[in-house]
C-alpha atoms as a PDB file:
ATOM      1  CA  UNK A   1      15.003  76.360-116.500  1.00  0.00           C
ATOM      2  CA  UNK A   2      16.469  76.114-120.008  1.00  0.00           C
ATOM      3  CA  UNK A   3      15.864  73.282-122.484  1.00  0.00           C
ATOM      4  CA  UNK A   4      19.469  72.184-121.945  1.00  0.00           C
ATOM      5  CA  UNK A   5      18.922  72.032-118.177  1.00  0.00           C
ATOM      6  CA  UNK A   6      15.610  70.219-118.640  1.00  0.00           C
ATOM      7  CA  UNK A   7      17.207  67.513-120.778  1.00  0.00           C
ATOM      8  CA  UNK A   8      20.017  67.103-118.253  1.00  0.00           C
ATOM      9  CA  UNK A   9      17.505  66.792-115.396  1.00  0.00           C
ATOM     10  CA  UNK A  10      15.347  64.339-117.337  1.00  0.00           C
ATOM     11  CA  UNK A  11      17.973  62.203-119.098  1.00  0.00           C
ATOM     12  CA  UNK A  12      21.299  63.014-117.476  1.00  0.00           C
ATOM     13  CA  UNK A  13      22.658  64.208-120.849  1.00  0.00           C
ATOM     14  CA  UNK A  14      24.539  67.517-120.806  1.00  0.00           C
ATOM     15  CA  UNK A  15      24.333  69.022-124.283  1.00  0.00           C
ATOM     16  CA  UNK A  16      26.976  71.502-125.518  1.00  0.00           C
ATOM     17  CA  UNK A  17      26.189  75.213-125.621  1.00  0.00           C
ATOM     18  CA  UNK A  18      25.279  76.651-129.017  1.00  0.00           C
ATOM     19  CA  UNK A  19      25.322  80.122-130.503  1.00  0.00           C
ATOM     20  CA  UNK A  20      22.105  80.271-132.579  1.00  0.00           C
ATOM     21  CA  UNK A  21      23.639  82.914-134.848  1.00  0.00           C
ATOM     22  CA  UNK A  22      26.777  80.876-135.560  1.00  0.00           C
ATOM     23  CA  UNK A  23      25.819  77.208-135.536  1.00  0.00           C
ATOM     24  CA  UNK A  24      28.441  74.473-135.881  1.00  0.00           C
ATOM     25  CA  UNK A  25      26.798  71.804-138.059  1.00  0.00           C
ATOM     26  CA  UNK A  26      28.955  69.018-136.613  1.00  0.00           C
ATOM     27  CA  UNK A  27      27.820  69.875-133.078  1.00  0.00           C
ATOM     28  CA  UNK A  28      24.190  70.011-134.217  1.00  0.00           C
ATOM     29  CA  UNK A  29      24.537  66.524-135.768  1.00  0.00           C
ATOM     30  CA  UNK A  30      26.097  65.246-132.564  1.00  0.00           C
ATOM     31  CA  UNK A  31      23.174  66.577-130.523  1.00  0.00           C
ATOM     32  CA  UNK A  32      20.543  65.196-132.898  1.00  0.00           C
ATOM     33  CA  UNK A  33      22.241  61.819-132.792  1.00  0.00           C
ATOM     34  CA  UNK A  34      22.416  61.638-129.014  1.00  0.00           C
ATOM     35  CA  UNK A  35      18.812  62.450-128.098  1.00  0.00           C
ATOM     36  CA  UNK A  36      15.383  63.081-129.642  1.00  0.00           C
ATOM     37  CA  UNK A  37      15.668  66.818-129.195  1.00  0.00           C
ATOM     38  CA  UNK A  38      12.428  67.862-130.914  1.00  0.00           C
ATOM     39  CA  UNK A  39      10.349  65.466-128.812  1.00  0.00           C
ATOM     40  CA  UNK A  40      12.097  66.722-125.695  1.00  0.00           C
ATOM     41  CA  UNK A  41      11.438  70.298-126.799  1.00  0.00           C
ATOM     42  CA  UNK A  42       7.679  69.740-127.155  1.00  0.00           C
ATOM     43  CA  UNK A  43       7.591  68.117-123.715  1.00  0.00           C
ATOM     44  CA  UNK A  44       9.641  70.983-122.316  1.00  0.00           C
ATOM     45  CA  UNK A  45       7.193  73.568-123.671  1.00  0.00           C
ATOM     46  CA  UNK A  46       4.375  71.816-121.836  1.00  0.00           C
ATOM     47  CA  UNK A  47       5.979  71.433-118.437  1.00  0.00           C
ATOM     48  CA  UNK A  48       9.712  72.009-118.320  1.00  0.00           C
ATOM     49  CA  UNK A  49      10.178  75.632-117.303  1.00  0.00           C
ATOM     50  CA  UNK A  50      10.149  74.881-113.564  1.00  0.00           C
ATOM     51  CA  UNK A  51      11.715  71.867-111.808  1.00  0.00           C
ATOM     52  CA  UNK A  52       8.584  71.707-109.668  1.00  0.00           C
ATOM     53  CA  UNK A  53       6.828  69.860-112.512  1.00  0.00           C
ATOM     54  CA  UNK A  54       8.279  66.748-110.852  1.00  0.00           C
ATOM     55  CA  UNK A  55       6.286  67.347-107.680  1.00  0.00           C
ATOM     56  CA  UNK A  56       2.680  67.896-108.758  1.00  0.00           C
ATOM     57  CA  UNK A  57       0.248  68.389-111.619  1.00  0.00           C
ATOM     58  CA  UNK A  58       1.920  71.094-113.696  1.00  0.00           C
ATOM     59  CA  UNK A  59      -1.231  72.491-115.304  1.00  0.00           C
ATOM     60  CA  UNK A  60      -2.811  72.855-111.880  1.00  0.00           C
ATOM     61  CA  UNK A  61       0.345  74.584-110.691  1.00  0.00           C
ATOM     62  CA  UNK A  62       0.234  77.017-113.642  1.00  0.00           C
ATOM     63  CA  UNK A  63      -3.394  77.881-112.950  1.00  0.00           C
ATOM     64  CA  UNK A  64      -2.507  78.532-109.301  1.00  0.00           C
ATOM     65  CA  UNK A  65       0.411  80.803-110.280  1.00  0.00           C
ATOM     66  CA  UNK A  66      -1.774  82.846-112.630  1.00  0.00           C
ATOM     67  CA  UNK A  67      -4.602  83.117-110.105  1.00  0.00           C
ATOM     68  CA  UNK A  68      -2.265  84.198-107.308  1.00  0.00           C
ATOM     69  CA  UNK A  69      -0.512  86.746-109.508  1.00  0.00           C
ATOM     70  CA  UNK A  70      -3.749  88.392-110.629  1.00  0.00           C
ATOM     71  CA  UNK A  71      -5.438  88.500-107.228  1.00  0.00           C
ATOM     72  CA  UNK A  72      -2.463  88.979-104.889  1.00  0.00           C
ATOM     73  CA  UNK A  73       0.443  90.546-106.793  1.00  0.00           C
ATOM     74  CA  UNK A  74      -1.251  92.879-109.283  1.00  0.00           C
ATOM     75  CA  UNK A  75      -3.336  94.767-106.658  1.00  0.00           C
ATOM     76  CA  UNK A  76      -0.122  95.666-104.835  1.00  0.00           C
ATOM     77  CA  UNK A  77       0.871  97.842-107.814  1.00  0.00           C
ATOM     78  CA  UNK A  78      -2.557  99.179-108.838  1.00  0.00           C
ATOM     79  CA  UNK A  79      -3.970 101.910-106.629  1.00  0.00           C
ATOM     80  CA  UNK A  80      -7.617 101.459-107.546  1.00  0.00           C
ATOM     81  CA  UNK A  81      -8.755  98.050-108.682  1.00  0.00           C
ATOM     82  CA  UNK A  82     -12.200  96.484-108.786  1.00  0.00           C
ATOM     83  CA  UNK A  83     -13.882  93.240-109.738  1.00  0.00           C
ATOM     84  CA  UNK A  84     -14.279  94.327-113.370  1.00  0.00           C
ATOM     85  CA  UNK A  85     -10.512  94.798-113.624  1.00  0.00           C
ATOM     86  CA  UNK A  86      -9.878  91.268-112.346  1.00  0.00           C
ATOM     87  CA  UNK A  87     -12.362  89.894-114.855  1.00  0.00           C
ATOM     88  CA  UNK A  88     -10.797  91.946-117.634  1.00  0.00           C
ATOM     89  CA  UNK A  89      -7.320  90.574-116.864  1.00  0.00           C
ATOM     90  CA  UNK A  90      -8.723  87.041-116.898  1.00  0.00           C
ATOM     91  CA  UNK A  91     -10.330  87.787-120.263  1.00  0.00           C
ATOM     92  CA  UNK A  92      -6.996  89.024-121.648  1.00  0.00           C
ATOM     93  CA  UNK A  93      -5.300  85.810-120.567  1.00  0.00           C
ATOM     94  CA  UNK A  94      -8.147  83.704-121.930  1.00  0.00           C
ATOM     95  CA  UNK A  95      -7.807  85.453-125.289  1.00  0.00           C
ATOM     96  CA  UNK A  96      -4.024  84.969-125.383  1.00  0.00           C
ATOM     97  CA  UNK A  97      -4.472  81.275-124.559  1.00  0.00           C
ATOM     98  CA  UNK A  98      -6.432  80.588-127.740  1.00  0.00           C
ATOM     99  CA  UNK A  99      -5.599  83.389-130.197  1.00  0.00           C
ATOM    100  CA  UNK A 100      -3.357  82.820-133.203  1.00  0.00           C
ATOM    101  CA  UNK A 101      -2.730  86.574-133.331  1.00  0.00           C
ATOM    102  CA  UNK A 102      -0.805  87.669-130.210  1.00  0.00           C
ATOM    103  CA  UNK A 103      -2.149  91.215-129.867  1.00  0.00           C
ATOM    104  CA  UNK A 104      -5.171  93.037-128.434  1.00  0.00           C
ATOM    105  CA  UNK A 105      -7.718  95.463-129.842  1.00  0.00           C
ATOM    106  CA  UNK A 106      -7.457  98.195-127.204  1.00  0.00           C
ATOM    107  CA  UNK A 107     -10.377 100.303-128.443  1.00  0.00           C
ATOM    108  CA  UNK A 108     -12.771  97.363-128.547  1.00  0.00           C
ATOM    109  CA  UNK A 109     -11.743  96.076-125.132  1.00  0.00           C
ATOM    110  CA  UNK A 110     -12.217  99.514-123.577  1.00  0.00           C
ATOM    111  CA  UNK A 111     -15.626  99.834-125.195  1.00  0.00           C
ATOM    112  CA  UNK A 112     -16.802  96.343-124.231  1.00  0.00           C
ATOM    113  CA  UNK A 113     -15.540  96.561-120.643  1.00  0.00           C
ATOM    114  CA  UNK A 114     -16.407 100.194-120.026  1.00  0.00           C
ATOM    115  CA  UNK A 115     -12.943 101.316-118.905  1.00  0.00           C
ATOM    116  CA  UNK A 116     -10.546 103.994-120.101  1.00  0.00           C
ATOM    117  CA  UNK A 117      -7.439 103.348-122.180  1.00  0.00           C
ATOM    118  CA  UNK A 118      -5.163 104.655-119.438  1.00  0.00           C
ATOM    119  CA  UNK A 119      -6.483 102.046-116.993  1.00  0.00           C
ATOM    120  CA  UNK A 120      -6.167  99.226-119.500  1.00  0.00           C
ATOM    121  CA  UNK A 121      -2.587 100.208-120.317  1.00  0.00           C
ATOM    122  CA  UNK A 122      -1.851 100.365-116.587  1.00  0.00           C
ATOM    123  CA  UNK A 123      -3.195  96.847-116.067  1.00  0.00           C
ATOM    124  CA  UNK A 124      -1.202  95.489-119.016  1.00  0.00           C
ATOM    125  CA  UNK A 125       1.961  97.158-117.720  1.00  0.00           C
ATOM    126  CA  UNK A 126       1.520  95.595-114.276  1.00  0.00           C
ATOM    127  CA  UNK A 127       0.654  92.218-115.770  1.00  0.00           C
ATOM    128  CA  UNK A 128       3.975  92.356-117.594  1.00  0.00           C
ATOM    129  CA  UNK A 129       5.870  93.551-114.515  1.00  0.00           C
ATOM    130  CA  UNK A 130       4.496  90.599-112.513  1.00  0.00           C
ATOM    131  CA  UNK A 131       5.469  88.131-115.239  1.00  0.00           C
ATOM    132  CA  UNK A 132       2.155  86.804-116.494  1.00  0.00           C
ATOM    133  CA  UNK A 133       2.451  88.475-119.900  1.00  0.00           C
ATOM    134  CA  UNK A 134       5.346  89.662-122.077  1.00  0.00           C
ATOM    135  CA  UNK A 135       4.934  92.660-124.376  1.00  0.00           C
ATOM    136  CA  UNK A 136       7.246  92.925-127.393  1.00  0.00           C
ATOM    137  CA  UNK A 137       7.775  96.439-128.729  1.00  0.00           C
ATOM    138  CA  UNK A 138       9.446  97.792-131.830  1.00  0.00           C
ATOM    139  CA  UNK A 139      12.923  99.114-131.125  1.00  0.00           C
ATOM    140  CA  UNK A 140      12.020 102.809-131.220  1.00  0.00           C
ATOM    141  CA  UNK A 141       8.608 102.600-129.574  1.00  0.00           C
ATOM    142  CA  UNK A 142       8.937 105.190-126.792  1.00  0.00           C
ATOM    143  CA  UNK A 143       5.254 105.971-126.380  1.00  0.00           C
ATOM    144  CA  UNK A 144       3.967 106.388-122.837  1.00  0.00           C
ATOM    145  CA  UNK A 145       1.000 104.151-123.589  1.00  0.00           C
ATOM    146  CA  UNK A 146       1.584 101.286-126.000  1.00  0.00           C
ATOM    147  CA  UNK A 147       0.356  97.729-126.357  1.00  0.00           C
ATOM    148  CA  UNK A 148       3.493  96.866-128.321  1.00  0.00           C
ATOM    149  CA  UNK A 149       3.408  94.691-131.422  1.00  0.00           C
ATOM    150  CA  UNK A 150       3.004  91.277-129.809  1.00  0.00           C
ATOM    151  CA  UNK A 151       1.704  90.137-126.432  1.00  0.00           C
ATOM    152  CA  UNK A 152       2.610  86.676-125.155  1.00  0.00           C
ATOM    153  CA  UNK A 153       2.245  84.788-121.931  1.00  0.00           C
ATOM    154  CA  UNK A 154       5.182  85.592-119.677  1.00  0.00           C
ATOM    155  CA  UNK A 155       5.897  81.880-119.347  1.00  0.00           C
ATOM    156  CA  UNK A 156       5.525  79.849-122.587  1.00  0.00           C
ATOM    157  CA  UNK A 157       4.351  76.876-120.513  1.00  0.00           C
ATOM    158  CA  UNK A 158       1.174  78.840-119.745  1.00  0.00           C
ATOM    159  CA  UNK A 159      -0.013  77.988-123.268  1.00  0.00           C
ATOM    160  CA  UNK A 160      -0.460  74.378-122.151  1.00  0.00           C
ATOM    161  CA  UNK A 161      -3.691  75.344-120.385  1.00  0.00           C
ATOM    162  CA  UNK A 162      -5.223  76.744-123.582  1.00  0.00           C
ATOM    163  CA  UNK A 163      -5.439  75.699-127.213  1.00  0.00           C
ATOM    164  CA  UNK A 164      -1.644  75.167-127.418  1.00  0.00           C
ATOM    165  CA  UNK A 165      -1.307  77.331-130.512  1.00  0.00           C
ATOM    166  CA  UNK A 166       2.015  76.000-131.754  1.00  0.00           C
ATOM    167  CA  UNK A 167       3.201  79.036-133.681  1.00  0.00           C
ATOM    168  CA  UNK A 168       2.433  81.555-130.933  1.00  0.00           C
ATOM    169  CA  UNK A 169       3.952  79.354-128.251  1.00  0.00           C
ATOM    170  CA  UNK A 170       7.158  78.944-130.282  1.00  0.00           C
ATOM    171  CA  UNK A 171       7.427  82.708-130.710  1.00  0.00           C
ATOM    172  CA  UNK A 172       6.878  83.185-126.968  1.00  0.00           C
ATOM    173  CA  UNK A 173       9.625  80.661-126.248  1.00  0.00           C
ATOM    174  CA  UNK A 174      12.114  82.356-128.577  1.00  0.00           C
ATOM    175  CA  UNK A 175      11.465  85.735-126.957  1.00  0.00           C
ATOM    176  CA  UNK A 176      11.816  84.241-123.484  1.00  0.00           C
ATOM    177  CA  UNK A 177      14.982  82.285-124.293  1.00  0.00           C
ATOM    178  CA  UNK A 178      16.807  85.274-125.783  1.00  0.00           C
ATOM    179  CA  UNK A 179      15.751  87.591-122.978  1.00  0.00           C
ATOM    180  CA  UNK A 180      16.989  85.029-120.444  1.00  0.00           C
ATOM    181  CA  UNK A 181      20.301  85.151-122.332  1.00  0.00           C
ATOM    182  CA  UNK A 182      20.340  88.949-121.761  1.00  0.00           C
ATOM    183  CA  UNK A 183      19.543  89.827-125.378  1.00  0.00           C
ATOM    184  CA  UNK A 184      17.227  92.684-126.304  1.00  0.00           C
ATOM    185  CA  UNK A 185      14.198  91.360-128.156  1.00  0.00           C
ATOM    186  CA  UNK A 186      12.155  93.681-130.365  1.00  0.00           C
ATOM    187  CA  UNK A 187       9.399  93.156-132.889  1.00  0.00           C
ATOM    188  CA  UNK A 188      10.724  93.141-136.445  1.00  0.00           C
ATOM    189  CA  UNK A 189      10.328  96.592-138.060  1.00  0.00           C
ATOM    190  CA  UNK A 190       8.621  94.945-141.046  1.00  0.00           C
ATOM    191  CA  UNK A 191       6.588  91.878-140.093  1.00  0.00           C
ATOM    192  CA  UNK A 192       6.802  90.674-143.690  1.00  0.00           C
ATOM    193  CA  UNK A 193      10.518  90.060-143.140  1.00  0.00           C
ATOM    194  CA  UNK A 194      10.434  88.254-139.815  1.00  0.00           C
ATOM    195  CA  UNK A 195       9.088  88.035-136.277  1.00  0.00           C
ATOM    196  CA  UNK A 196      11.800  89.590-134.127  1.00  0.00           C
ATOM    197  CA  UNK A 197      14.850  91.813-134.231  1.00  0.00           C
ATOM    198  CA  UNK A 198      17.421  90.324-131.846  1.00  0.00           C
ATOM    199  CA  UNK A 199      20.951  91.690-131.549  1.00  0.00           C
ATOM    200  CA  UNK A 200      20.329  93.587-134.806  1.00  0.00           C
ATOM    201  CA  UNK A 201      19.475  90.274-136.525  1.00  0.00           C
ATOM    202  CA  UNK A 202      16.058  89.552-138.050  1.00  0.00           C
ATOM    203  CA  UNK A 203      14.667  86.297-136.641  1.00  0.00           C
ATOM    204  CA  UNK A 204      11.807  84.360-138.216  1.00  0.00           C
ATOM    205  CA  UNK A 205      10.268  81.655-136.032  1.00  0.00           C
ATOM    206  CA  UNK A 206       9.029  78.895-138.312  1.00  0.00           C
ATOM    207  CA  UNK A 207       7.641  75.400-138.162  1.00  0.00           C
ATOM    208  CA  UNK A 208       7.403  72.682-140.749  1.00  0.00           C
ATOM    209  CA  UNK A 209       4.250  74.223-142.262  1.00  0.00           C
ATOM    210  CA  UNK A 210       5.272  77.875-142.077  1.00  0.00           C
ATOM    211  CA  UNK A 211       6.358  79.641-145.225  1.00  0.00           C
ATOM    212  CA  UNK A 212       8.346  82.857-145.385  1.00  0.00           C
ATOM    213  CA  UNK A 213       6.071  85.841-145.719  1.00  0.00           C
ATOM    214  CA  UNK A 214       6.098  87.826-148.927  1.00  0.00           C
ATOM    215  CA  UNK A 215       4.795  91.315-149.571  1.00  0.00           C
END
């Protein structure tokens, strides 16, 4: 469910569609004057991605979705899986829930958990295929085994069960929103210039305290 759909469901206000790469300032002013969009956005990030938030405790629902995906869906795609693999996947998600740096140290994880790189890459690939994580690659990353440049939760609302790292959750939302709009989302070739490369446009996801990076 999009932010626009969430606001309509919550308040009955149908906001106009916007092209983020060609904003009409008059339309933006109209939207900002009709509803507290930023407050709605923060609420949406916590619970608005599924209409089912109206029916039950959303955090409990998220935990159930993650648990079911790991223990029921992932094994369907992994030929040989053991208890250590389940615990490793839970550790990956626990790290993503609190980390300000959305990536993994593959060598260290393999060493600490006693598994091979091929198996870890397989688990990450299946975790992405089942929707619990999203891996963002650089545009020309064609390696057979790659952790990409950024790893997010597959659903930005999943961050509500962790430390709610604002910057990481915003980046996860931007990636999700553009992919839902059928855009290709890549990591920016030079992270000093921005976060993503979307439709050949460099996108920097900022907040009120974020400054543009300089080399």
